[in-house]
Amino acid sequence: MAKGAPSPSTSDVLLRDVTSSDLPIFFDQQLDPDANHMAAFTVRDPTDRDAFMAHWMRILGDETITIKTILFDGQVAGSVLSYKDEEFGELEVSYWIGKQYWGKGVATRALSAFLGHVKVRPLYARAAKDNIASLRVLEKCGFTICGEDKGFSNARGQEVEEFILRLPICTATSTLDTPSPGRH
């Protein structure tokens, strides 16, 4: 690596509070058909800007949701958040990375940094079973598969199977882990 070049660590991935100028970028990122297919569980109509903005205004105003903008080399690369899933009843993490940032380690570094901010454990996540990249990001950050579910995917127009993953109380082998929720 050349002297003075940025290291491929977290130095090129930063988290900050979401600003209103991020929302049009987030909107454009979530329009990508490949990204929608990978995420699977998306909104019914990703082209509905009014619904998108209303959703973001609601979640930005919800004090129970922790949400950050992901910056990669100073550019808005996506978002990462934690929220209490209404059906599941547990705190979950979710993230969206713009397609142009895929394959660069952005999601892994951003989620790792975010987990330093969100101290609640256990913490859960979900990913479509065929979303290998997202499953790998979650595993690199210490999540392990603890269950399965399925639901209707708006992006795919069919039912899709997903894994439920858990980040335990202690990422090392521990007897302090709580059992997985009984929903599955």
N, C-alpha and C. Protein backbone atom coordinates (compact mmCIF):
# COMPACT_ATOMS: atom_id res chain seq x y z
N MET A 1 0.84 -1.17 0.00
CA MET A 1 0.00 0.00 0.00
C MET A 1 0.90 1.24 0.00
N ALA A 2 0.57 2.22 -0.81
CA ALA A 2 1.37 3.43 -0.93
C ALA A 2 1.31 4.23 0.36
N LYS A 3 2.44 4.88 0.67
CA LYS A 3 2.48 5.71 1.88
C LYS A 3 1.47 6.83 1.76
N GLY A 4 0.70 7.03 2.83
CA GLY A 4 -0.30 8.08 2.85
C GLY A 4 -1.64 7.66 2.27
N ALA A 5 -1.72 6.49 1.66
CA ALA A 5 -3.00 6.01 1.13
C ALA A 5 -3.88 5.57 2.29
N PRO A 6 -5.20 5.79 2.17
CA PRO A 6 -6.07 5.36 3.25
C PRO A 6 -6.05 3.85 3.40
N SER A 7 -6.09 3.39 4.63
CA SER A 7 -6.11 1.96 4.87
C SER A 7 -7.49 1.42 4.56
N PRO A 8 -7.60 0.14 4.19
CA PRO A 8 -8.90 -0.44 3.89
C PRO A 8 -9.65 -0.82 5.16
N SER A 9 -9.47 -0.06 6.22
CA SER A 9 -10.18 -0.34 7.47
C SER A 9 -11.42 0.54 7.53
N THR A 10 -11.85 0.87 8.71
CA THR A 10 -13.06 1.68 8.85
C THR A 10 -12.80 3.15 8.55
N SER A 11 -11.58 3.54 8.20
CA SER A 11 -11.29 4.94 7.96
C SER A 11 -12.07 5.49 6.77
N ASP A 12 -12.42 4.64 5.81
CA ASP A 12 -13.16 5.13 4.66
C ASP A 12 -14.67 4.92 4.79
N VAL A 13 -15.13 4.34 5.89
CA VAL A 13 -16.55 4.16 6.16
C VAL A 13 -16.87 4.86 7.47
N LEU A 14 -17.77 5.83 7.40
CA LEU A 14 -18.17 6.58 8.58
C LEU A 14 -19.69 6.57 8.70
N LEU A 15 -20.16 6.68 9.93
CA LEU A 15 -21.60 6.80 10.19
C LEU A 15 -21.86 8.20 10.71
N ARG A 16 -22.98 8.77 10.31
CA ARG A 16 -23.41 10.06 10.84
C ARG A 16 -24.93 10.09 10.86
N ASP A 17 -25.47 11.10 11.54
CA ASP A 17 -26.92 11.25 11.57
C ASP A 17 -27.44 11.49 10.15
N VAL A 18 -28.65 11.03 9.91
CA VAL A 18 -29.30 11.23 8.61
C VAL A 18 -29.70 12.70 8.48
N THR A 19 -29.46 13.27 7.32
CA THR A 19 -29.91 14.63 7.02
C THR A 19 -30.93 14.56 5.88
N SER A 20 -31.70 15.63 5.74
CA SER A 20 -32.72 15.64 4.69
C SER A 20 -32.11 15.51 3.30
N SER A 21 -30.87 15.95 3.12
CA SER A 21 -30.23 15.83 1.81
C SER A 21 -29.85 14.38 1.48
N ASP A 22 -29.87 13.49 2.47
CA ASP A 22 -29.60 12.07 2.22
C ASP A 22 -30.79 11.37 1.58
N LEU A 23 -31.99 11.84 1.87
CA LEU A 23 -33.20 11.11 1.47
C LEU A 23 -33.34 10.93 -0.05
N PRO A 24 -33.07 11.95 -0.87
CA PRO A 24 -33.14 11.70 -2.32
C PRO A 24 -32.13 10.64 -2.78
N ILE A 25 -30.99 10.57 -2.14
CA ILE A 25 -29.99 9.55 -2.48
C ILE A 25 -30.50 8.18 -2.08
N PHE A 26 -31.04 8.08 -0.86
CA PHE A 26 -31.62 6.81 -0.41
C PHE A 26 -32.73 6.37 -1.37
N PHE A 27 -33.56 7.32 -1.79
CA PHE A 27 -34.66 7.01 -2.70
C PHE A 27 -34.11 6.41 -4.00
N ASP A 28 -33.12 7.07 -4.58
CA ASP A 28 -32.54 6.57 -5.83
C ASP A 28 -31.91 5.20 -5.64
N GLN A 29 -31.24 4.99 -4.50
CA GLN A 29 -30.60 3.70 -4.25
C GLN A 29 -31.62 2.57 -4.19
N GLN A 30 -32.77 2.83 -3.58
CA GLN A 30 -33.74 1.76 -3.41
C GLN A 30 -34.59 1.53 -4.67
N LEU A 31 -34.36 2.29 -5.72
CA LEU A 31 -35.05 2.05 -6.98
C LEU A 31 -34.41 0.91 -7.79
N ASP A 32 -33.18 0.55 -7.47
CA ASP A 32 -32.45 -0.44 -8.25
C ASP A 32 -33.14 -1.80 -8.18
N PRO A 33 -33.50 -2.38 -9.33
CA PRO A 33 -34.20 -3.67 -9.32
C PRO A 33 -33.38 -4.82 -8.73
N ASP A 34 -32.06 -4.82 -8.96
CA ASP A 34 -31.21 -5.88 -8.39
C ASP A 34 -31.18 -5.77 -6.86
N ALA A 35 -31.09 -4.55 -6.36
CA ALA A 35 -31.08 -4.34 -4.91
C ALA A 35 -32.41 -4.77 -4.30
N ASN A 36 -33.50 -4.46 -4.97
CA ASN A 36 -34.81 -4.88 -4.48
C ASN A 36 -34.93 -6.40 -4.46
N HIS A 37 -34.43 -7.04 -5.50
CA HIS A 37 -34.49 -8.50 -5.54
C HIS A 37 -33.68 -9.10 -4.39
N MET A 38 -32.48 -8.56 -4.16
CA MET A 38 -31.64 -9.08 -3.08
C MET A 38 -32.30 -8.87 -1.72
N ALA A 39 -32.81 -7.67 -1.49
CA ALA A 39 -33.44 -7.36 -0.20
C ALA A 39 -34.73 -8.16 -0.02
N ALA A 40 -35.44 -8.41 -1.09
CA ALA A 40 -36.67 -9.21 -1.14
C ALA A 40 -37.85 -8.52 -0.45
N PHE A 41 -37.71 -8.20 0.82
CA PHE A 41 -38.83 -7.68 1.58
C PHE A 41 -38.80 -6.15 1.56
N THR A 42 -39.35 -5.62 0.48
CA THR A 42 -39.31 -4.19 0.22
C THR A 42 -40.73 -3.64 0.17
N VAL A 43 -40.82 -2.35 -0.06
CA VAL A 43 -42.14 -1.73 -0.20
C VAL A 43 -42.80 -2.20 -1.49
N ARG A 44 -44.10 -2.07 -1.51
CA ARG A 44 -44.87 -2.51 -2.67
C ARG A 44 -44.48 -1.77 -3.95
N ASP A 45 -44.32 -0.44 -3.83
CA ASP A 45 -44.00 0.37 -5.00
C ASP A 45 -42.81 1.28 -4.69
N PRO A 46 -41.60 0.84 -5.01
CA PRO A 46 -40.43 1.65 -4.70
C PRO A 46 -40.37 2.97 -5.46
N THR A 47 -41.19 3.13 -6.50
CA THR A 47 -41.18 4.39 -7.27
C THR A 47 -42.06 5.47 -6.65
N ASP A 48 -42.81 5.14 -5.59
CA ASP A 48 -43.71 6.09 -4.94
C ASP A 48 -42.90 7.00 -4.00
N ARG A 49 -42.45 8.13 -4.51
CA ARG A 49 -41.61 9.05 -3.74
C ARG A 49 -42.34 9.60 -2.51
N ASP A 50 -43.63 9.89 -2.65
CA ASP A 50 -44.38 10.43 -1.51
C ASP A 50 -44.45 9.42 -0.37
N ALA A 51 -44.71 8.16 -0.69
CA ALA A 51 -44.75 7.12 0.35
C ALA A 51 -43.37 6.94 0.97
N PHE A 52 -42.33 6.98 0.15
CA PHE A 52 -40.96 6.86 0.64
C PHE A 52 -40.65 7.98 1.63
N MET A 53 -40.96 9.22 1.25
CA MET A 53 -40.66 10.36 2.13
C MET A 53 -41.48 10.29 3.41
N ALA A 54 -42.75 9.89 3.32
CA ALA A 54 -43.59 9.77 4.52
C ALA A 54 -43.01 8.71 5.45
N HIS A 55 -42.57 7.60 4.90
CA HIS A 55 -41.96 6.53 5.71
C HIS A 55 -40.72 7.06 6.42
N TRP A 56 -39.85 7.76 5.71
CA TRP A 56 -38.63 8.26 6.31
C TRP A 56 -38.91 9.34 7.35
N MET A 57 -39.90 10.17 7.12
CA MET A 57 -40.24 11.19 8.13
C MET A 57 -40.72 10.50 9.41
N ARG A 58 -41.49 9.41 9.24
CA ARG A 58 -41.99 8.67 10.40
C ARG A 58 -40.83 8.03 11.16
N ILE A 59 -39.92 7.35 10.48
CA ILE A 59 -38.87 6.65 11.20
C ILE A 59 -37.84 7.63 11.77
N LEU A 60 -37.62 8.75 11.10
CA LEU A 60 -36.69 9.73 11.66
C LEU A 60 -37.25 10.39 12.92
N GLY A 61 -38.58 10.43 13.03
CA GLY A 61 -39.22 11.01 14.20
C GLY A 61 -39.45 10.03 15.33
N ASP A 62 -39.13 8.77 15.11
CA ASP A 62 -39.37 7.73 16.11
C ASP A 62 -38.11 7.58 16.97
N GLU A 63 -38.20 7.96 18.22
CA GLU A 63 -37.04 7.92 19.11
C GLU A 63 -36.60 6.51 19.47
N THR A 64 -37.42 5.51 19.17
CA THR A 64 -37.03 4.12 19.46
C THR A 64 -36.17 3.52 18.34
N ILE A 65 -36.05 4.25 17.23
CA ILE A 65 -35.27 3.77 16.09
C ILE A 65 -33.94 4.51 16.07
N THR A 66 -32.87 3.76 15.98
CA THR A 66 -31.53 4.33 15.80
C THR A 66 -31.19 4.18 14.33
N ILE A 67 -30.87 5.28 13.68
CA ILE A 67 -30.60 5.24 12.24
C ILE A 67 -29.44 6.15 11.89
N LYS A 68 -28.59 5.65 11.02
CA LYS A 68 -27.40 6.40 10.61
C LYS A 68 -27.23 6.33 9.09
N THR A 69 -26.66 7.38 8.55
CA THR A 69 -26.23 7.40 7.16
C THR A 69 -24.83 6.80 7.11
N ILE A 70 -24.60 5.97 6.10
CA ILE A 70 -23.28 5.38 5.87
C ILE A 70 -22.57 6.22 4.81
N LEU A 71 -21.39 6.68 5.17
CA LEU A 71 -20.55 7.40 4.21
C LEU A 71 -19.37 6.52 3.82
N PHE A 72 -19.09 6.47 2.54
CA PHE A 72 -17.91 5.77 2.04
C PHE A 72 -17.10 6.77 1.22
N ASP A 73 -15.88 7.02 1.67
CA ASP A 73 -15.03 8.03 1.04
C ASP A 73 -15.78 9.34 0.86
N GLY A 74 -16.57 9.70 1.88
CA GLY A 74 -17.28 10.98 1.88
C GLY A 74 -18.59 11.00 1.13
N GLN A 75 -18.96 9.90 0.47
CA GLN A 75 -20.20 9.84 -0.30
C GLN A 75 -21.25 9.02 0.45
N VAL A 76 -22.52 9.39 0.29
CA VAL A 76 -23.61 8.64 0.93
C VAL A 76 -23.72 7.28 0.25
N ALA A 77 -23.41 6.23 1.00
CA ALA A 77 -23.41 4.87 0.46
C ALA A 77 -24.65 4.09 0.87
N GLY A 78 -25.38 4.56 1.87
CA GLY A 78 -26.55 3.84 2.32
C GLY A 78 -26.93 4.23 3.73
N SER A 79 -27.68 3.34 4.37
CA SER A 79 -28.13 3.59 5.74
C SER A 79 -28.12 2.30 6.53
N VAL A 80 -28.08 2.45 7.84
CA VAL A 80 -28.13 1.31 8.76
C VAL A 80 -29.00 1.73 9.93
N LEU A 81 -29.82 0.81 10.42
CA LEU A 81 -30.74 1.17 11.50
C LEU A 81 -31.06 -0.02 12.38
N SER A 82 -31.58 0.30 13.55
CA SER A 82 -32.14 -0.72 14.44
C SER A 82 -33.53 -0.27 14.83
N TYR A 83 -34.42 -1.22 14.96
CA TYR A 83 -35.82 -0.95 15.28
C TYR A 83 -36.41 -2.19 15.94
N LYS A 84 -37.49 -1.99 16.67
CA LYS A 84 -38.17 -3.14 17.27
C LYS A 84 -39.22 -3.63 16.28
N ASP A 85 -39.02 -4.83 15.81
CA ASP A 85 -39.96 -5.43 14.87
C ASP A 85 -41.28 -5.68 15.58
N GLU A 86 -42.37 -5.17 15.03
CA GLU A 86 -43.68 -5.29 15.68
C GLU A 86 -44.15 -6.73 15.80
N GLU A 87 -43.97 -7.52 14.74
CA GLU A 87 -44.42 -8.91 14.76
C GLU A 87 -43.49 -9.79 15.60
N PHE A 88 -42.21 -9.58 15.47
CA PHE A 88 -41.18 -10.41 16.10
C PHE A 88 -40.99 -10.02 17.56
N GLY A 89 -41.16 -8.72 17.86
CA GLY A 89 -41.03 -8.24 19.23
C GLY A 89 -39.61 -8.07 19.71
N GLU A 90 -38.64 -8.12 18.82
CA GLU A 90 -37.23 -8.02 19.18
C GLU A 90 -36.57 -6.88 18.41
N LEU A 91 -35.47 -6.37 18.95
CA LEU A 91 -34.71 -5.34 18.27
C LEU A 91 -33.94 -5.97 17.11
N GLU A 92 -34.11 -5.39 15.92
CA GLU A 92 -33.47 -5.90 14.72
C GLU A 92 -32.64 -4.81 14.07
N VAL A 93 -31.64 -5.23 13.30
CA VAL A 93 -30.87 -4.30 12.49
C VAL A 93 -31.21 -4.53 11.03
N SER A 94 -31.07 -3.48 10.27
CA SER A 94 -31.28 -3.54 8.83
C SER A 94 -30.35 -2.53 8.19
N TYR A 95 -30.02 -2.75 6.94
CA TYR A 95 -29.17 -1.80 6.24
C TYR A 95 -29.49 -1.86 4.75
N TRP A 96 -29.16 -0.79 4.07
CA TRP A 96 -29.31 -0.71 2.62
C TRP A 96 -28.06 -0.05 2.09
N ILE A 97 -27.42 -0.70 1.16
CA ILE A 97 -26.20 -0.17 0.55
C ILE A 97 -26.48 0.05 -0.93
N GLY A 98 -26.17 1.24 -1.42
CA GLY A 98 -26.31 1.51 -2.85
C GLY A 98 -25.49 0.53 -3.66
N LYS A 99 -26.03 0.09 -4.78
CA LYS A 99 -25.40 -0.97 -5.58
C LYS A 99 -23.97 -0.62 -5.98
N GLN A 100 -23.68 0.64 -6.23
CA GLN A 100 -22.32 1.01 -6.65
C GLN A 100 -21.29 0.77 -5.55
N TYR A 101 -21.76 0.52 -4.31
CA TYR A 101 -20.85 0.28 -3.18
C TYR A 101 -20.76 -1.19 -2.80
N TRP A 102 -21.47 -2.05 -3.51
CA TRP A 102 -21.43 -3.48 -3.22
C TRP A 102 -20.04 -4.03 -3.48
N GLY A 103 -19.66 -5.04 -2.70
CA GLY A 103 -18.42 -5.75 -2.92
C GLY A 103 -17.17 -5.01 -2.46
N LYS A 104 -17.34 -3.95 -1.70
CA LYS A 104 -16.20 -3.15 -1.24
C LYS A 104 -16.02 -3.21 0.27
N GLY A 105 -16.80 -4.06 0.93
CA GLY A 105 -16.69 -4.16 2.39
C GLY A 105 -17.42 -3.07 3.14
N VAL A 106 -18.17 -2.24 2.43
CA VAL A 106 -18.86 -1.12 3.06
C VAL A 106 -19.89 -1.60 4.07
N ALA A 107 -20.70 -2.56 3.70
CA ALA A 107 -21.76 -3.05 4.59
C ALA A 107 -21.16 -3.64 5.87
N THR A 108 -20.13 -4.44 5.73
CA THR A 108 -19.51 -5.07 6.90
C THR A 108 -18.93 -4.02 7.83
N ARG A 109 -18.19 -3.08 7.29
CA ARG A 109 -17.57 -2.05 8.14
C ARG A 109 -18.63 -1.13 8.75
N ALA A 110 -19.66 -0.80 7.99
CA ALA A 110 -20.71 0.07 8.53
C ALA A 110 -21.49 -0.64 9.64
N LEU A 111 -21.86 -1.89 9.41
CA LEU A 111 -22.61 -2.62 10.43
C LEU A 111 -21.75 -2.82 11.67
N SER A 112 -20.49 -3.13 11.49
CA SER A 112 -19.59 -3.29 12.63
C SER A 112 -19.52 -2.01 13.46
N ALA A 113 -19.38 -0.87 12.80
CA ALA A 113 -19.35 0.42 13.50
C ALA A 113 -20.68 0.69 14.19
N PHE A 114 -21.78 0.38 13.51
CA PHE A 114 -23.11 0.60 14.08
C PHE A 114 -23.31 -0.23 15.34
N LEU A 115 -22.82 -1.46 15.33
CA LEU A 115 -22.97 -2.34 16.49
C LEU A 115 -22.23 -1.79 17.70
N GLY A 116 -21.25 -0.93 17.47
CA GLY A 116 -20.59 -0.24 18.57
C GLY A 116 -21.46 0.83 19.20
N HIS A 117 -22.45 1.33 18.44
CA HIS A 117 -23.38 2.35 18.95
C HIS A 117 -24.59 1.72 19.63
N VAL A 118 -25.05 0.60 19.09
CA VAL A 118 -26.24 -0.07 19.62
C VAL A 118 -25.76 -1.18 20.54
N LYS A 119 -25.97 -1.00 21.82
CA LYS A 119 -25.41 -1.93 22.81
C LYS A 119 -26.37 -3.05 23.20
N VAL A 120 -27.62 -3.00 22.75
CA VAL A 120 -28.61 -4.01 23.11
C VAL A 120 -28.21 -5.37 22.53
N ARG A 121 -28.24 -6.36 23.36
CA ARG A 121 -27.99 -7.74 22.95
C ARG A 121 -28.96 -8.64 23.71
N PRO A 122 -29.47 -9.68 23.16
CA PRO A 122 -29.21 -10.05 21.79
C PRO A 122 -29.87 -9.08 20.81
N LEU A 123 -29.37 -9.07 19.60
CA LEU A 123 -29.85 -8.23 18.52
C LEU A 123 -30.10 -9.15 17.33
N TYR A 124 -31.13 -8.89 16.58
CA TYR A 124 -31.52 -9.79 15.51
C TYR A 124 -31.40 -9.13 14.14
N ALA A 125 -31.40 -9.95 13.11
CA ALA A 125 -31.40 -9.49 11.72
C ALA A 125 -32.08 -10.57 10.89
N ARG A 126 -32.47 -10.20 9.70
CA ARG A 126 -33.10 -11.13 8.77
C ARG A 126 -32.48 -10.95 7.40
N ALA A 127 -32.42 -12.03 6.64
CA ALA A 127 -31.95 -11.96 5.26
C ALA A 127 -32.58 -13.10 4.48
N ALA A 128 -32.96 -12.80 3.24
CA ALA A 128 -33.46 -13.86 2.36
C ALA A 128 -32.39 -14.95 2.27
N LYS A 129 -32.83 -16.19 2.24
CA LYS A 129 -31.88 -17.31 2.24
C LYS A 129 -30.91 -17.26 1.06
N ASP A 130 -31.32 -16.67 -0.05
CA ASP A 130 -30.44 -16.61 -1.21
C ASP A 130 -29.63 -15.31 -1.28
N ASN A 131 -29.74 -14.46 -0.26
CA ASN A 131 -28.96 -13.22 -0.22
C ASN A 131 -27.62 -13.53 0.48
N ILE A 132 -26.78 -14.23 -0.23
CA ILE A 132 -25.52 -14.73 0.32
C ILE A 132 -24.64 -13.57 0.82
N ALA A 133 -24.61 -12.47 0.07
CA ALA A 133 -23.75 -11.34 0.47
C ALA A 133 -24.19 -10.78 1.82
N SER A 134 -25.47 -10.59 2.01
CA SER A 134 -25.94 -10.05 3.29
C SER A 134 -25.73 -11.03 4.43
N LEU A 135 -25.96 -12.29 4.16
CA LEU A 135 -25.71 -13.31 5.19
C LEU A 135 -24.24 -13.29 5.60
N ARG A 136 -23.36 -13.13 4.64
CA ARG A 136 -21.92 -13.09 4.94
C ARG A 136 -21.58 -11.86 5.77
N VAL A 137 -22.16 -10.70 5.45
CA VAL A 137 -21.94 -9.48 6.23
C VAL A 137 -22.34 -9.72 7.67
N LEU A 138 -23.53 -10.27 7.87
CA LEU A 138 -24.03 -10.51 9.22
C LEU A 138 -23.14 -11.50 9.98
N GLU A 139 -22.72 -12.56 9.32
CA GLU A 139 -21.83 -13.54 9.97
C GLU A 139 -20.49 -12.92 10.34
N LYS A 140 -19.93 -12.09 9.47
CA LYS A 140 -18.66 -11.42 9.78
C LYS A 140 -18.79 -10.51 11.00
N CYS A 141 -19.99 -10.01 11.23
CA CYS A 141 -20.23 -9.12 12.37
C CYS A 141 -20.67 -9.87 13.62
N GLY A 142 -20.64 -11.22 13.57
CA GLY A 142 -20.91 -12.01 14.76
C GLY A 142 -22.30 -12.60 14.87
N PHE A 143 -23.17 -12.36 13.89
CA PHE A 143 -24.51 -12.93 13.91
C PHE A 143 -24.46 -14.40 13.51
N THR A 144 -25.34 -15.20 14.09
CA THR A 144 -25.47 -16.60 13.72
C THR A 144 -26.93 -16.91 13.44
N ILE A 145 -27.16 -17.85 12.56
CA ILE A 145 -28.53 -18.23 12.22
C ILE A 145 -29.18 -18.89 13.42
N CYS A 146 -30.37 -18.42 13.75
CA CYS A 146 -31.09 -18.98 14.90
C CYS A 146 -32.51 -19.40 14.54
N GLY A 147 -32.92 -19.17 13.30
CA GLY A 147 -34.27 -19.55 12.92
C GLY A 147 -34.53 -19.27 11.46
N GLU A 148 -35.73 -19.61 11.03
CA GLU A 148 -36.16 -19.41 9.66
C GLU A 148 -37.57 -18.88 9.67
N ASP A 149 -37.91 -18.20 8.58
CA ASP A 149 -39.26 -17.68 8.40
C ASP A 149 -39.49 -17.58 6.90
N LYS A 150 -40.67 -17.20 6.52
CA LYS A 150 -40.97 -16.90 5.13
C LYS A 150 -42.07 -15.86 5.09
N GLY A 151 -42.08 -15.14 4.02
CA GLY A 151 -43.08 -14.10 3.86
C GLY A 151 -43.16 -13.68 2.41
N PHE A 152 -44.18 -12.89 2.12
CA PHE A 152 -44.37 -12.44 0.74
C PHE A 152 -43.37 -11.35 0.42
N SER A 153 -42.68 -11.51 -0.69
CA SER A 153 -41.71 -10.54 -1.17
C SER A 153 -42.35 -9.68 -2.25
N ASN A 154 -42.53 -8.40 -1.96
CA ASN A 154 -43.06 -7.49 -2.97
C ASN A 154 -42.14 -7.42 -4.18
N ALA A 155 -40.84 -7.40 -3.93
CA ALA A 155 -39.86 -7.26 -5.01
C ALA A 155 -39.87 -8.46 -5.95
N ARG A 156 -40.20 -9.64 -5.42
CA ARG A 156 -40.16 -10.85 -6.24
C ARG A 156 -41.55 -11.36 -6.62
N GLY A 157 -42.58 -10.82 -5.98
CA GLY A 157 -43.95 -11.22 -6.30
C GLY A 157 -44.27 -12.64 -5.88
N GLN A 158 -43.58 -13.14 -4.84
CA GLN A 158 -43.81 -14.51 -4.37
C GLN A 158 -43.33 -14.64 -2.93
N GLU A 159 -43.68 -15.76 -2.31
CA GLU A 159 -43.20 -16.03 -0.97
C GLU A 159 -41.72 -16.39 -1.02
N VAL A 160 -40.97 -15.85 -0.04
CA VAL A 160 -39.53 -16.05 0.01
C VAL A 160 -39.14 -16.52 1.41
N GLU A 161 -38.24 -17.49 1.45
CA GLU A 161 -37.73 -17.97 2.73
C GLU A 161 -36.58 -17.08 3.19
N GLU A 162 -36.50 -16.89 4.51
CA GLU A 162 -35.43 -16.06 5.07
C GLU A 162 -34.85 -16.74 6.31
N PHE A 163 -33.61 -16.34 6.61
CA PHE A 163 -32.98 -16.74 7.85
C PHE A 163 -33.15 -15.61 8.86
N ILE A 164 -33.31 -15.99 10.11
CA ILE A 164 -33.27 -15.04 11.23
C ILE A 164 -31.92 -15.27 11.90
N LEU A 165 -31.22 -14.20 12.15
CA LEU A 165 -29.90 -14.29 12.75
C LEU A 165 -29.89 -13.53 14.06
N ARG A 166 -29.02 -13.96 14.96
CA ARG A 166 -28.92 -13.33 16.28
C ARG A 166 -27.47 -13.01 16.59
N LEU A 167 -27.29 -11.81 17.12
CA LEU A 167 -26.01 -11.43 17.70
C LEU A 167 -26.17 -11.63 19.19
N PRO A 168 -25.46 -12.61 19.75
CA PRO A 168 -25.68 -12.94 21.15
C PRO A 168 -25.17 -11.87 22.11
N ILE A 169 -25.50 -12.07 23.38
CA ILE A 169 -25.07 -11.15 24.43
C ILE A 169 -23.56 -11.01 24.42
N CYS A 170 -22.88 -12.12 24.25
CA CYS A 170 -21.42 -12.13 24.14
C CYS A 170 -21.09 -12.83 22.84
N THR A 171 -20.29 -12.20 21.98
CA THR A 171 -20.03 -12.81 20.68
C THR A 171 -19.14 -14.04 20.79
N ALA A 172 -18.47 -14.22 21.92
CA ALA A 172 -17.75 -15.47 22.15
C ALA A 172 -18.76 -16.51 22.61
N THR A 173 -18.39 -17.77 22.61
CA THR A 173 -19.29 -18.81 23.09
C THR A 173 -19.68 -18.48 24.53
N SER A 174 -20.97 -18.44 24.77
CA SER A 174 -21.45 -17.98 26.07
C SER A 174 -22.69 -18.74 26.49
N THR A 175 -22.83 -18.93 27.77
CA THR A 175 -24.05 -19.53 28.30
C THR A 175 -25.05 -18.43 28.64
N LEU A 176 -24.68 -17.18 28.38
CA LEU A 176 -25.58 -16.06 28.68
C LEU A 176 -26.55 -15.77 27.55
N ASP A 177 -26.38 -16.42 26.40
CA ASP A 177 -27.28 -16.18 25.28
C ASP A 177 -28.70 -16.53 25.70
N THR A 178 -29.61 -15.69 25.26
CA THR A 178 -31.01 -16.00 25.50
C THR A 178 -31.49 -16.93 24.41
N PRO A 179 -32.47 -17.74 24.69
CA PRO A 179 -32.97 -18.64 23.63
C PRO A 179 -33.60 -17.82 22.51
N SER A 180 -33.61 -18.40 21.32
CA SER A 180 -34.26 -17.70 20.21
C SER A 180 -35.74 -17.61 20.48
N PRO A 181 -36.38 -16.57 19.96
CA PRO A 181 -37.81 -16.39 20.20
C PRO A 181 -38.60 -17.61 19.71
N GLY A 182 -39.71 -17.87 20.34
CA GLY A 182 -40.50 -19.06 20.06
C GLY A 182 -41.36 -18.98 18.83
N ARG A 183 -41.24 -17.93 18.04
CA ARG A 183 -42.08 -17.75 16.87
C ARG A 183 -41.81 -18.80 15.81
N HIS A 184 -40.67 -19.43 15.80
CA HIS A 184 -40.29 -20.28 14.68
C HIS A 184 -40.17 -21.71 15.11
